[in-house]
Amino acid sequence: EATLDLAERRRIRSAIRELQRQELEQDEETLASKRFRPERSSHRQDNKENWPQSQHLEEEQQAALAALSEQLEAITSVEELTKLLRAAGEYEERKLIRAAIRKLRAEEIEAATLAGNVQSSR
């Protein structure tokens, strides 16, 4: 309802602001509790029918990643690894390939440093 008293209007506005502030604080607390809630193991219970299949797929993916890791150990060219990286579709595959590229580059830098040290000592 409309009121003509300015002091009463101020009190009403400040009460509304206080309610809005409290509501925001409650929302922030709710978000924080959801954000940092530990994961429940109910995922398996929620998806009982597909769990054996998803476990099997996960095992296949782990085996494929292990095979890829062994393949990457044999590659000694950054260019070949870069081609593989561009062709890779899965995040985990790209992650392994990038790690292999970083390892090769570190080895190249170390070899160049050693070669520079040997030349400077002569």
N, C-alpha and C. Protein backbone atom coordinates (compact mmCIF):
# COMPACT_ATOMS: atom_id res chain seq x y z
N GLU A 1 0.83 -1.18 0.00
CA GLU A 1 0.00 0.00 0.00
C GLU A 1 0.88 1.24 0.00
N ALA A 2 0.32 2.30 -0.49
CA ALA A 2 1.06 3.56 -0.57
C ALA A 2 1.04 4.27 0.77
N THR A 3 2.17 4.86 1.09
CA THR A 3 2.26 5.65 2.30
C THR A 3 2.90 6.98 1.98
N LEU A 4 2.46 8.02 2.65
CA LEU A 4 2.98 9.35 2.37
C LEU A 4 4.11 9.71 3.32
N ASP A 5 4.28 8.96 4.38
CA ASP A 5 5.31 9.25 5.37
C ASP A 5 6.68 8.81 4.83
N LEU A 6 7.60 9.76 4.65
CA LEU A 6 8.92 9.45 4.08
C LEU A 6 9.74 8.58 5.02
N ALA A 7 9.67 8.77 6.31
CA ALA A 7 10.42 7.96 7.27
C ALA A 7 9.97 6.51 7.19
N GLU A 8 8.69 6.30 7.05
CA GLU A 8 8.17 4.93 6.95
C GLU A 8 8.64 4.29 5.65
N ARG A 9 8.66 5.07 4.56
CA ARG A 9 9.16 4.55 3.29
C ARG A 9 10.62 4.12 3.41
N ARG A 10 11.44 4.94 4.11
CA ARG A 10 12.85 4.58 4.31
C ARG A 10 12.97 3.29 5.09
N ARG A 11 12.17 3.14 6.15
CA ARG A 11 12.21 1.91 6.95
C ARG A 11 11.82 0.70 6.11
N ILE A 12 10.80 0.87 5.28
CA ILE A 12 10.36 -0.23 4.42
C ILE A 12 11.46 -0.59 3.43
N ARG A 13 12.07 0.40 2.79
CA ARG A 13 13.15 0.13 1.83
C ARG A 13 14.34 -0.55 2.50
N SER A 14 14.70 -0.06 3.70
CA SER A 14 15.84 -0.69 4.37
C SER A 14 15.49 -2.11 4.80
N ALA A 15 14.25 -2.37 5.19
CA ALA A 15 13.84 -3.73 5.54
C ALA A 15 13.90 -4.64 4.30
N ILE A 16 13.47 -4.11 3.16
CA ILE A 16 13.53 -4.88 1.91
C ILE A 16 14.98 -5.18 1.54
N ARG A 17 15.88 -4.17 1.65
CA ARG A 17 17.30 -4.39 1.36
C ARG A 17 17.90 -5.44 2.29
N GLU A 18 17.54 -5.40 3.57
CA GLU A 18 18.05 -6.37 4.54
C GLU A 18 17.58 -7.78 4.18
N LEU A 19 16.32 -7.92 3.80
CA LEU A 19 15.81 -9.23 3.39
C LEU A 19 16.54 -9.74 2.14
N GLN A 20 16.78 -8.84 1.19
CA GLN A 20 17.50 -9.23 -0.03
C GLN A 20 18.93 -9.65 0.31
N ARG A 21 19.59 -8.92 1.22
CA ARG A 21 20.95 -9.26 1.63
C ARG A 21 20.98 -10.64 2.29
N GLN A 22 20.02 -10.90 3.17
CA GLN A 22 19.96 -12.20 3.85
C GLN A 22 19.73 -13.32 2.84
N GLU A 23 18.86 -13.06 1.87
CA GLU A 23 18.59 -14.07 0.85
C GLU A 23 19.85 -14.35 0.02
N LEU A 24 20.61 -13.31 -0.33
CA LEU A 24 21.86 -13.51 -1.06
C LEU A 24 22.87 -14.32 -0.25
N GLU A 25 22.98 -14.01 1.04
CA GLU A 25 23.89 -14.76 1.90
C GLU A 25 23.50 -16.23 1.96
N GLN A 26 22.20 -16.50 2.06
CA GLN A 26 21.75 -17.89 2.10
C GLN A 26 22.07 -18.59 0.78
N ASP A 27 21.87 -17.89 -0.34
CA ASP A 27 22.19 -18.47 -1.64
C ASP A 27 23.68 -18.77 -1.75
N GLU A 28 24.52 -17.84 -1.27
CA GLU A 28 25.97 -18.07 -1.31
C GLU A 28 26.37 -19.24 -0.45
N GLU A 29 25.76 -19.38 0.73
CA GLU A 29 26.06 -20.52 1.60
C GLU A 29 25.64 -21.82 0.94
N THR A 30 24.51 -21.82 0.29
CA THR A 30 24.03 -23.02 -0.41
C THR A 30 24.99 -23.39 -1.52
N LEU A 31 25.40 -22.40 -2.29
CA LEU A 31 26.36 -22.67 -3.37
C LEU A 31 27.67 -23.21 -2.83
N ALA A 32 28.15 -22.61 -1.77
CA ALA A 32 29.42 -23.06 -1.18
C ALA A 32 29.30 -24.49 -0.69
N SER A 33 28.20 -24.82 -0.07
CA SER A 33 28.06 -26.19 0.44
C SER A 33 27.95 -27.19 -0.71
N LYS A 34 27.33 -26.78 -1.82
CA LYS A 34 27.23 -27.68 -2.97
C LYS A 34 28.58 -27.80 -3.66
N ARG A 35 29.32 -26.71 -3.73
CA ARG A 35 30.58 -26.69 -4.45
C ARG A 35 31.62 -27.56 -3.77
N PHE A 36 31.62 -27.57 -2.45
CA PHE A 36 32.65 -28.30 -1.73
C PHE A 36 32.14 -29.58 -1.09
N ARG A 37 30.99 -30.03 -1.52
CA ARG A 37 30.45 -31.27 -1.00
C ARG A 37 31.26 -32.44 -1.54
N PRO A 38 31.66 -33.37 -0.68
CA PRO A 38 32.42 -34.51 -1.19
C PRO A 38 31.53 -35.36 -2.10
N GLU A 39 32.15 -35.95 -3.09
CA GLU A 39 31.38 -36.75 -4.02
C GLU A 39 30.83 -37.99 -3.34
N ARG A 40 29.60 -38.25 -3.66
CA ARG A 40 28.97 -39.43 -3.08
C ARG A 40 29.23 -40.64 -3.95
N SER A 41 29.22 -41.78 -3.35
CA SER A 41 29.43 -43.00 -4.12
C SER A 41 28.11 -43.55 -4.64
N SER A 42 27.09 -42.71 -4.67
CA SER A 42 25.78 -43.16 -5.12
C SER A 42 25.69 -43.19 -6.64
N HIS A 43 26.74 -42.72 -7.32
CA HIS A 43 26.71 -42.75 -8.78
C HIS A 43 26.50 -44.18 -9.28
N ARG A 44 27.18 -45.09 -8.65
CA ARG A 44 27.04 -46.48 -9.04
C ARG A 44 25.62 -46.96 -8.77
N GLN A 45 25.03 -46.53 -7.66
CA GLN A 45 23.68 -46.95 -7.33
C GLN A 45 22.68 -46.31 -8.28
N ASP A 46 22.93 -45.09 -8.72
CA ASP A 46 22.01 -44.42 -9.63
C ASP A 46 21.99 -45.09 -11.01
N ASN A 47 23.07 -45.71 -11.37
CA ASN A 47 23.21 -46.22 -12.71
C ASN A 47 23.59 -47.70 -12.67
N LYS A 48 22.83 -48.49 -11.96
CA LYS A 48 23.19 -49.90 -11.76
C LYS A 48 23.20 -50.69 -13.06
N GLU A 49 22.28 -50.36 -13.97
CA GLU A 49 22.21 -51.13 -15.20
C GLU A 49 23.43 -50.92 -16.08
N ASN A 50 23.91 -49.70 -16.14
CA ASN A 50 25.01 -49.38 -17.05
C ASN A 50 26.37 -49.47 -16.39
N TRP A 51 26.43 -49.70 -15.10
CA TRP A 51 27.71 -49.69 -14.40
C TRP A 51 28.69 -50.73 -14.92
N PRO A 52 28.30 -52.01 -15.09
CA PRO A 52 29.28 -52.97 -15.63
C PRO A 52 29.78 -52.58 -17.01
N GLN A 53 28.89 -52.05 -17.83
CA GLN A 53 29.30 -51.63 -19.17
C GLN A 53 30.25 -50.44 -19.09
N SER A 54 29.94 -49.47 -18.24
CA SER A 54 30.82 -48.30 -18.14
C SER A 54 32.16 -48.69 -17.53
N GLN A 55 32.15 -49.64 -16.59
CA GLN A 55 33.42 -50.10 -16.01
C GLN A 55 34.25 -50.79 -17.08
N HIS A 56 33.60 -51.56 -17.94
CA HIS A 56 34.30 -52.24 -19.02
C HIS A 56 34.89 -51.22 -19.99
N LEU A 57 34.11 -50.19 -20.32
CA LEU A 57 34.61 -49.15 -21.22
C LEU A 57 35.79 -48.41 -20.61
N GLU A 58 35.71 -48.16 -19.31
CA GLU A 58 36.80 -47.48 -18.63
C GLU A 58 38.07 -48.32 -18.65
N GLU A 59 37.92 -49.63 -18.45
CA GLU A 59 39.08 -50.52 -18.50
C GLU A 59 39.69 -50.54 -19.90
N GLU A 60 38.83 -50.54 -20.93
CA GLU A 60 39.33 -50.50 -22.30
C GLU A 60 40.08 -49.20 -22.57
N GLN A 61 39.54 -48.10 -22.06
CA GLN A 61 40.19 -46.81 -22.25
C GLN A 61 41.54 -46.79 -21.55
N GLN A 62 41.62 -47.33 -20.35
CA GLN A 62 42.90 -47.38 -19.63
C GLN A 62 43.91 -48.22 -20.39
N ALA A 63 43.46 -49.34 -20.96
CA ALA A 63 44.37 -50.19 -21.74
C ALA A 63 44.85 -49.44 -22.99
N ALA A 64 43.94 -48.73 -23.65
CA ALA A 64 44.33 -47.97 -24.83
C ALA A 64 45.32 -46.87 -24.47
N LEU A 65 45.11 -46.22 -23.33
CA LEU A 65 46.04 -45.18 -22.91
C LEU A 65 47.41 -45.76 -22.57
N ALA A 66 47.43 -46.95 -21.96
CA ALA A 66 48.71 -47.60 -21.65
C ALA A 66 49.45 -47.94 -22.94
N ALA A 67 48.72 -48.44 -23.94
CA ALA A 67 49.34 -48.76 -25.22
C ALA A 67 49.86 -47.49 -25.90
N LEU A 68 49.09 -46.42 -25.82
CA LEU A 68 49.52 -45.15 -26.39
C LEU A 68 50.78 -44.64 -25.70
N SER A 69 50.82 -44.80 -24.40
CA SER A 69 51.99 -44.36 -23.64
C SER A 69 53.25 -45.11 -24.08
N GLU A 70 53.12 -46.40 -24.28
CA GLU A 70 54.27 -47.19 -24.77
C GLU A 70 54.67 -46.75 -26.17
N GLN A 71 53.68 -46.47 -27.02
CA GLN A 71 53.96 -46.01 -28.38
C GLN A 71 54.68 -44.66 -28.34
N LEU A 72 54.27 -43.79 -27.44
CA LEU A 72 54.88 -42.46 -27.35
C LEU A 72 56.33 -42.55 -26.89
N GLU A 73 56.64 -43.52 -26.05
CA GLU A 73 58.02 -43.69 -25.59
C GLU A 73 58.96 -44.00 -26.75
N ALA A 74 58.44 -44.67 -27.78
CA ALA A 74 59.27 -45.06 -28.92
C ALA A 74 59.49 -43.90 -29.90
N ILE A 75 58.62 -42.91 -29.87
CA ILE A 75 58.72 -41.79 -30.82
C ILE A 75 59.74 -40.77 -30.29
N THR A 76 60.66 -40.37 -31.18
CA THR A 76 61.71 -39.43 -30.77
C THR A 76 61.64 -38.12 -31.54
N SER A 77 60.56 -37.90 -32.25
CA SER A 77 60.43 -36.68 -33.05
C SER A 77 59.24 -35.85 -32.54
N VAL A 78 59.51 -34.58 -32.28
CA VAL A 78 58.46 -33.69 -31.82
C VAL A 78 57.42 -33.50 -32.92
N GLU A 79 57.85 -33.51 -34.18
CA GLU A 79 56.93 -33.33 -35.30
C GLU A 79 55.92 -34.48 -35.35
N GLU A 80 56.40 -35.71 -35.17
CA GLU A 80 55.49 -36.86 -35.17
C GLU A 80 54.49 -36.76 -34.02
N LEU A 81 55.00 -36.37 -32.87
CA LEU A 81 54.11 -36.22 -31.71
C LEU A 81 53.08 -35.11 -31.95
N THR A 82 53.49 -34.05 -32.61
CA THR A 82 52.56 -32.96 -32.91
C THR A 82 51.47 -33.43 -33.86
N LYS A 83 51.84 -34.25 -34.84
CA LYS A 83 50.83 -34.81 -35.76
C LYS A 83 49.84 -35.69 -34.99
N LEU A 84 50.37 -36.50 -34.08
CA LEU A 84 49.49 -37.33 -33.26
C LEU A 84 48.57 -36.48 -32.40
N LEU A 85 49.12 -35.41 -31.86
CA LEU A 85 48.33 -34.51 -31.01
C LEU A 85 47.16 -33.91 -31.78
N ARG A 86 47.43 -33.50 -33.00
CA ARG A 86 46.36 -32.91 -33.81
C ARG A 86 45.29 -33.93 -34.19
N ALA A 87 45.69 -35.19 -34.31
CA ALA A 87 44.75 -36.25 -34.70
C ALA A 87 43.99 -36.83 -33.50
N ALA A 88 44.51 -36.61 -32.31
CA ALA A 88 43.89 -37.19 -31.11
C ALA A 88 42.55 -36.53 -30.83
N GLY A 89 41.60 -37.36 -30.38
CA GLY A 89 40.28 -36.84 -30.09
C GLY A 89 39.98 -36.74 -28.61
N GLU A 90 40.51 -37.63 -27.83
CA GLU A 90 40.20 -37.69 -26.40
C GLU A 90 41.15 -36.79 -25.61
N TYR A 91 40.63 -36.23 -24.55
CA TYR A 91 41.42 -35.35 -23.68
C TYR A 91 42.61 -36.10 -23.09
N GLU A 92 42.37 -37.29 -22.60
CA GLU A 92 43.45 -38.05 -21.95
C GLU A 92 44.56 -38.37 -22.94
N GLU A 93 44.20 -38.67 -24.19
CA GLU A 93 45.22 -38.94 -25.20
C GLU A 93 46.07 -37.69 -25.44
N ARG A 94 45.39 -36.56 -25.62
CA ARG A 94 46.12 -35.31 -25.85
C ARG A 94 47.02 -34.97 -24.67
N LYS A 95 46.53 -35.26 -23.47
CA LYS A 95 47.31 -35.00 -22.27
C LYS A 95 48.61 -35.81 -22.27
N LEU A 96 48.51 -37.10 -22.61
CA LEU A 96 49.71 -37.95 -22.68
C LEU A 96 50.68 -37.47 -23.76
N ILE A 97 50.14 -37.10 -24.91
CA ILE A 97 50.99 -36.66 -26.01
C ILE A 97 51.70 -35.36 -25.66
N ARG A 98 50.97 -34.42 -25.03
CA ARG A 98 51.62 -33.17 -24.63
C ARG A 98 52.73 -33.43 -23.61
N ALA A 99 52.50 -34.37 -22.70
CA ALA A 99 53.54 -34.72 -21.72
C ALA A 99 54.76 -35.30 -22.42
N ALA A 100 54.53 -36.13 -23.44
CA ALA A 100 55.65 -36.71 -24.19
C ALA A 100 56.42 -35.63 -24.94
N ILE A 101 55.71 -34.66 -25.51
CA ILE A 101 56.36 -33.55 -26.20
C ILE A 101 57.21 -32.75 -25.22
N ARG A 102 56.65 -32.44 -24.05
CA ARG A 102 57.42 -31.70 -23.04
C ARG A 102 58.67 -32.47 -22.63
N LYS A 103 58.54 -33.77 -22.49
CA LYS A 103 59.68 -34.60 -22.09
C LYS A 103 60.77 -34.57 -23.17
N LEU A 104 60.36 -34.71 -24.42
CA LEU A 104 61.34 -34.68 -25.52
C LEU A 104 62.05 -33.32 -25.58
N ARG A 105 61.29 -32.26 -25.46
CA ARG A 105 61.90 -30.93 -25.51
C ARG A 105 62.86 -30.71 -24.35
N ALA A 106 62.50 -31.21 -23.18
CA ALA A 106 63.40 -31.09 -22.02
C ALA A 106 64.68 -31.86 -22.27
N GLU A 107 64.56 -33.06 -22.87
CA GLU A 107 65.75 -33.85 -23.18
C GLU A 107 66.62 -33.14 -24.22
N GLU A 108 65.98 -32.51 -25.22
CA GLU A 108 66.74 -31.78 -26.23
C GLU A 108 67.48 -30.60 -25.61
N ILE A 109 66.80 -29.89 -24.71
CA ILE A 109 67.45 -28.75 -24.04
C ILE A 109 68.61 -29.23 -23.19
N GLU A 110 68.40 -30.34 -22.48
CA GLU A 110 69.47 -30.88 -21.64
C GLU A 110 70.67 -31.32 -22.48
N ALA A 111 70.39 -31.96 -23.62
CA ALA A 111 71.47 -32.40 -24.51
C ALA A 111 72.22 -31.18 -25.07
N ALA A 112 71.50 -30.14 -25.44
CA ALA A 112 72.14 -28.94 -25.97
C ALA A 112 72.97 -28.25 -24.89
N THR A 113 72.47 -28.25 -23.68
CA THR A 113 73.21 -27.65 -22.57
C THR A 113 74.50 -28.42 -22.31
N LEU A 114 74.40 -29.74 -22.31
CA LEU A 114 75.59 -30.56 -22.10
C LEU A 114 76.61 -30.35 -23.23
N ALA A 115 76.10 -30.28 -24.45
CA ALA A 115 77.00 -30.07 -25.60
C ALA A 115 77.67 -28.70 -25.48
N GLY A 116 76.93 -27.70 -25.04
CA GLY A 116 77.50 -26.38 -24.86
C GLY A 116 78.53 -26.36 -23.75
N ASN A 117 78.29 -27.12 -22.69
CA ASN A 117 79.24 -27.20 -21.58
C ASN A 117 80.52 -27.89 -22.01
N VAL A 118 80.39 -28.94 -22.83
CA VAL A 118 81.57 -29.68 -23.31
C VAL A 118 82.41 -28.77 -24.21
N GLN A 119 81.77 -28.01 -25.10
CA GLN A 119 82.51 -27.12 -25.99
C GLN A 119 83.18 -25.98 -25.22
N SER A 120 82.50 -25.47 -24.22
CA SER A 120 83.09 -24.36 -23.47
C SER A 120 84.23 -24.82 -22.59
N SER A 121 84.24 -26.09 -22.21
CA SER A 121 85.34 -26.58 -21.37
C SER A 121 86.58 -26.89 -22.19
N ARG A 122 86.44 -27.01 -23.50
CA ARG A 122 87.58 -27.30 -24.38
C ARG A 122 88.28 -26.03 -24.61
